[in-house]
Amino acid sequence: MRPCPAFDIPPGYLARPAALADADAIQRLVAVCEHAAHGAAPAVPDGVAARLTLPGVDPARDTVLVSGPDGTCAAWAWVRGRRCAIDV
């Protein structure tokens, strides 16, 4: 496996691995992104929690959560094998 290169984020933003406790905040972000892209939010409210608890998923290795200066979820990414999801 190749290491992931570091990336720069704007001042005041914080990047860290996602945790199950972040699932509701991430789900709200996903709903906003899906509504903007497709005109409707996903019908599965615990889709993020399901991804974070899949067998073999290690949130420290497989996720990144970016919080804005006010602490709200600004972006998240999840990777598992050849599958991924990114919402900004």
N, C-alpha and C. Protein backbone atom coordinates (compact mmCIF):
# COMPACT_ATOMS: atom_id res chain seq x y z
N MET A 1 0.84 -1.16 0.00
CA MET A 1 0.00 0.00 0.00
C MET A 1 0.89 1.24 0.00
N ARG A 2 0.57 2.22 -0.85
CA ARG A 2 1.32 3.46 -0.90
C ARG A 2 0.82 4.42 0.17
N PRO A 3 1.72 5.18 0.79
CA PRO A 3 1.27 6.15 1.79
C PRO A 3 0.52 7.29 1.12
N CYS A 4 -0.42 7.83 1.83
CA CYS A 4 -1.21 8.96 1.35
C CYS A 4 -0.40 10.24 1.53
N PRO A 5 -0.29 11.06 0.49
CA PRO A 5 0.45 12.31 0.65
C PRO A 5 -0.30 13.27 1.58
N ALA A 6 0.45 14.10 2.25
CA ALA A 6 -0.17 15.11 3.11
C ALA A 6 -0.88 16.13 2.24
N PHE A 7 -1.85 16.79 2.80
CA PHE A 7 -2.56 17.82 2.06
C PHE A 7 -2.71 19.05 2.95
N ASP A 8 -2.82 20.19 2.31
CA ASP A 8 -2.98 21.44 3.04
C ASP A 8 -4.45 21.77 3.18
N ILE A 9 -4.83 22.28 4.33
CA ILE A 9 -6.19 22.75 4.54
C ILE A 9 -6.10 24.20 4.98
N PRO A 10 -7.16 24.97 4.78
CA PRO A 10 -7.12 26.39 5.14
C PRO A 10 -6.88 26.59 6.64
N PRO A 11 -6.30 27.73 7.01
CA PRO A 11 -6.10 28.04 8.43
C PRO A 11 -7.43 27.98 9.18
N GLY A 12 -7.39 27.43 10.37
CA GLY A 12 -8.59 27.32 11.19
C GLY A 12 -9.34 26.01 11.03
N TYR A 13 -9.02 25.26 9.98
CA TYR A 13 -9.65 23.96 9.75
C TYR A 13 -8.77 22.88 10.37
N LEU A 14 -9.39 21.78 10.76
CA LEU A 14 -8.67 20.68 11.41
C LEU A 14 -9.03 19.37 10.72
N ALA A 15 -8.03 18.58 10.35
CA ALA A 15 -8.25 17.26 9.75
C ALA A 15 -7.85 16.19 10.75
N ARG A 16 -8.69 15.16 10.86
CA ARG A 16 -8.43 14.04 11.77
C ARG A 16 -9.24 12.85 11.28
N PRO A 17 -8.96 11.66 11.79
CA PRO A 17 -9.79 10.50 11.44
C PRO A 17 -11.22 10.69 11.97
N ALA A 18 -12.18 10.18 11.23
CA ALA A 18 -13.57 10.20 11.69
C ALA A 18 -13.76 9.14 12.77
N ALA A 19 -14.75 9.36 13.62
CA ALA A 19 -15.10 8.40 14.67
C ALA A 19 -16.60 8.14 14.60
N LEU A 20 -17.04 7.05 15.17
CA LEU A 20 -18.47 6.73 15.18
C LEU A 20 -19.28 7.86 15.80
N ALA A 21 -18.72 8.55 16.77
CA ALA A 21 -19.42 9.67 17.41
C ALA A 21 -19.67 10.82 16.43
N ASP A 22 -18.95 10.85 15.31
CA ASP A 22 -19.12 11.90 14.29
C ASP A 22 -20.19 11.55 13.26
N ALA A 23 -20.76 10.37 13.33
CA ALA A 23 -21.65 9.87 12.27
C ALA A 23 -22.82 10.81 12.00
N ASP A 24 -23.47 11.35 13.02
CA ASP A 24 -24.61 12.25 12.78
C ASP A 24 -24.19 13.52 12.05
N ALA A 25 -23.08 14.12 12.47
CA ALA A 25 -22.60 15.34 11.82
C ALA A 25 -22.20 15.05 10.37
N ILE A 26 -21.55 13.92 10.14
CA ILE A 26 -21.16 13.55 8.78
C ILE A 26 -22.40 13.30 7.94
N GLN A 27 -23.39 12.63 8.52
CA GLN A 27 -24.62 12.34 7.78
C GLN A 27 -25.33 13.63 7.36
N ARG A 28 -25.29 14.66 8.22
CA ARG A 28 -25.88 15.95 7.85
C ARG A 28 -25.13 16.55 6.65
N LEU A 29 -23.80 16.45 6.67
CA LEU A 29 -23.01 16.94 5.54
C LEU A 29 -23.35 16.17 4.27
N VAL A 30 -23.44 14.85 4.36
CA VAL A 30 -23.78 14.02 3.21
C VAL A 30 -25.14 14.43 2.65
N ALA A 31 -26.11 14.67 3.53
CA ALA A 31 -27.45 15.07 3.09
C ALA A 31 -27.42 16.40 2.33
N VAL A 32 -26.66 17.36 2.83
CA VAL A 32 -26.53 18.66 2.15
C VAL A 32 -25.88 18.47 0.78
N CYS A 33 -24.82 17.69 0.72
CA CYS A 33 -24.13 17.45 -0.56
C CYS A 33 -25.02 16.72 -1.55
N GLU A 34 -25.71 15.69 -1.10
CA GLU A 34 -26.60 14.93 -1.98
C GLU A 34 -27.76 15.80 -2.48
N HIS A 35 -28.30 16.63 -1.60
CA HIS A 35 -29.39 17.51 -2.00
C HIS A 35 -28.91 18.50 -3.06
N ALA A 36 -27.71 19.06 -2.86
CA ALA A 36 -27.16 20.01 -3.82
C ALA A 36 -26.87 19.34 -5.17
N ALA A 37 -26.38 18.13 -5.14
CA ALA A 37 -26.00 17.43 -6.37
C ALA A 37 -27.17 16.78 -7.09
N HIS A 38 -28.13 16.25 -6.31
CA HIS A 38 -29.19 15.43 -6.91
C HIS A 38 -30.61 15.90 -6.61
N GLY A 39 -30.74 16.95 -5.79
CA GLY A 39 -32.07 17.46 -5.47
C GLY A 39 -32.78 16.71 -4.36
N ALA A 40 -32.15 15.72 -3.78
CA ALA A 40 -32.75 14.96 -2.69
C ALA A 40 -31.65 14.39 -1.81
N ALA A 41 -31.96 14.26 -0.53
CA ALA A 41 -31.02 13.69 0.42
C ALA A 41 -31.19 12.17 0.46
N PRO A 42 -30.16 11.43 0.85
CA PRO A 42 -30.29 9.97 0.92
C PRO A 42 -31.32 9.56 1.96
N ALA A 43 -31.99 8.45 1.69
CA ALA A 43 -33.03 7.98 2.59
C ALA A 43 -32.48 7.15 3.75
N VAL A 44 -31.19 6.82 3.72
CA VAL A 44 -30.60 5.97 4.75
C VAL A 44 -29.90 6.85 5.78
N PRO A 45 -30.54 7.11 6.93
CA PRO A 45 -29.94 8.02 7.90
C PRO A 45 -28.69 7.50 8.58
N ASP A 46 -28.51 6.17 8.67
CA ASP A 46 -27.30 5.67 9.34
C ASP A 46 -26.30 5.08 8.37
N GLY A 47 -26.28 5.56 7.14
CA GLY A 47 -25.32 5.07 6.16
C GLY A 47 -23.88 5.30 6.57
N VAL A 48 -23.61 6.45 7.17
CA VAL A 48 -22.24 6.75 7.61
C VAL A 48 -21.83 5.82 8.73
N ALA A 49 -22.70 5.63 9.71
CA ALA A 49 -22.39 4.72 10.82
C ALA A 49 -22.14 3.31 10.29
N ALA A 50 -22.91 2.90 9.30
CA ALA A 50 -22.72 1.57 8.71
C ALA A 50 -21.35 1.46 8.06
N ARG A 51 -20.93 2.50 7.34
CA ARG A 51 -19.60 2.47 6.71
C ARG A 51 -18.49 2.42 7.74
N LEU A 52 -18.64 3.19 8.81
CA LEU A 52 -17.59 3.25 9.83
C LEU A 52 -17.45 1.96 10.62
N THR A 53 -18.48 1.11 10.60
CA THR A 53 -18.44 -0.12 11.38
C THR A 53 -18.36 -1.38 10.51
N LEU A 54 -18.10 -1.21 9.22
CA LEU A 54 -17.93 -2.38 8.36
C LEU A 54 -16.73 -3.20 8.82
N PRO A 55 -16.81 -4.53 8.71
CA PRO A 55 -15.66 -5.36 9.07
C PRO A 55 -14.43 -4.94 8.26
N GLY A 56 -13.32 -4.80 8.93
CA GLY A 56 -12.08 -4.45 8.26
C GLY A 56 -11.82 -2.96 8.14
N VAL A 57 -12.82 -2.13 8.44
CA VAL A 57 -12.61 -0.68 8.36
C VAL A 57 -11.89 -0.21 9.61
N ASP A 58 -10.83 0.52 9.40
CA ASP A 58 -10.08 1.15 10.49
C ASP A 58 -10.19 2.65 10.28
N PRO A 59 -11.06 3.34 11.04
CA PRO A 59 -11.24 4.77 10.83
C PRO A 59 -9.94 5.58 10.86
N ALA A 60 -8.98 5.17 11.67
CA ALA A 60 -7.71 5.90 11.74
C ALA A 60 -6.95 5.81 10.41
N ARG A 61 -7.15 4.74 9.68
CA ARG A 61 -6.46 4.52 8.41
C ARG A 61 -7.33 4.88 7.21
N ASP A 62 -8.64 4.67 7.33
CA ASP A 62 -9.53 4.70 6.17
C ASP A 62 -10.40 5.95 6.05
N THR A 63 -10.32 6.88 7.00
CA THR A 63 -11.20 8.05 6.96
C THR A 63 -10.42 9.33 7.26
N VAL A 64 -11.00 10.43 6.83
CA VAL A 64 -10.53 11.75 7.25
C VAL A 64 -11.77 12.63 7.40
N LEU A 65 -11.79 13.40 8.45
CA LEU A 65 -12.87 14.34 8.73
C LEU A 65 -12.23 15.72 8.86
N VAL A 66 -12.77 16.70 8.16
CA VAL A 66 -12.28 18.07 8.25
C VAL A 66 -13.35 18.91 8.92
N SER A 67 -12.96 19.55 10.02
CA SER A 67 -13.86 20.44 10.76
C SER A 67 -13.51 21.87 10.44
N GLY A 68 -14.55 22.71 10.30
CA GLY A 68 -14.34 24.12 10.04
C GLY A 68 -13.98 24.87 11.31
N PRO A 69 -13.68 26.16 11.18
CA PRO A 69 -13.30 26.97 12.34
C PRO A 69 -14.35 26.97 13.45
N ASP A 70 -15.62 26.79 13.07
CA ASP A 70 -16.68 26.77 14.08
C ASP A 70 -16.94 25.37 14.62
N GLY A 71 -16.15 24.39 14.18
CA GLY A 71 -16.28 23.02 14.67
C GLY A 71 -17.22 22.14 13.87
N THR A 72 -17.93 22.71 12.89
CA THR A 72 -18.85 21.90 12.10
C THR A 72 -18.08 21.06 11.08
N CYS A 73 -18.69 19.98 10.68
CA CYS A 73 -18.11 19.06 9.70
C CYS A 73 -18.12 19.75 8.33
N ALA A 74 -16.94 19.99 7.78
CA ALA A 74 -16.82 20.67 6.49
C ALA A 74 -16.55 19.70 5.34
N ALA A 75 -15.93 18.57 5.64
CA ALA A 75 -15.63 17.57 4.60
C ALA A 75 -15.32 16.24 5.27
N TRP A 76 -15.52 15.18 4.50
CA TRP A 76 -15.14 13.85 5.01
C TRP A 76 -14.85 12.95 3.83
N ALA A 77 -13.99 11.99 4.04
CA ALA A 77 -13.67 11.00 3.02
C ALA A 77 -13.54 9.64 3.69
N TRP A 78 -13.92 8.60 2.95
CA TRP A 78 -13.89 7.23 3.44
C TRP A 78 -13.40 6.36 2.29
N VAL A 79 -12.44 5.49 2.56
CA VAL A 79 -11.89 4.60 1.53
C VAL A 79 -11.85 3.19 2.10
N ARG A 80 -12.28 2.23 1.28
CA ARG A 80 -12.21 0.81 1.67
C ARG A 80 -11.97 0.01 0.40
N GLY A 81 -10.75 -0.45 0.25
CA GLY A 81 -10.43 -1.19 -0.97
C GLY A 81 -10.58 -0.29 -2.19
N ARG A 82 -11.46 -0.69 -3.09
CA ARG A 82 -11.71 0.11 -4.30
C ARG A 82 -12.94 1.00 -4.17
N ARG A 83 -13.56 1.01 -3.01
CA ARG A 83 -14.75 1.84 -2.79
C ARG A 83 -14.35 3.09 -2.02
N CYS A 84 -15.03 4.19 -2.29
CA CYS A 84 -14.74 5.41 -1.54
C CYS A 84 -15.95 6.33 -1.58
N ALA A 85 -15.94 7.31 -0.70
CA ALA A 85 -16.95 8.36 -0.67
C ALA A 85 -16.27 9.62 -0.20
N ILE A 86 -16.59 10.74 -0.84
CA ILE A 86 -16.04 12.03 -0.45
C ILE A 86 -17.17 13.04 -0.50
N ASP A 87 -17.35 13.78 0.57
CA ASP A 87 -18.35 14.85 0.63
C ASP A 87 -17.67 16.09 1.16
N VAL A 88 -17.87 17.22 0.46
CA VAL A 88 -17.27 18.49 0.87
C VAL A 88 -18.34 19.55 0.89
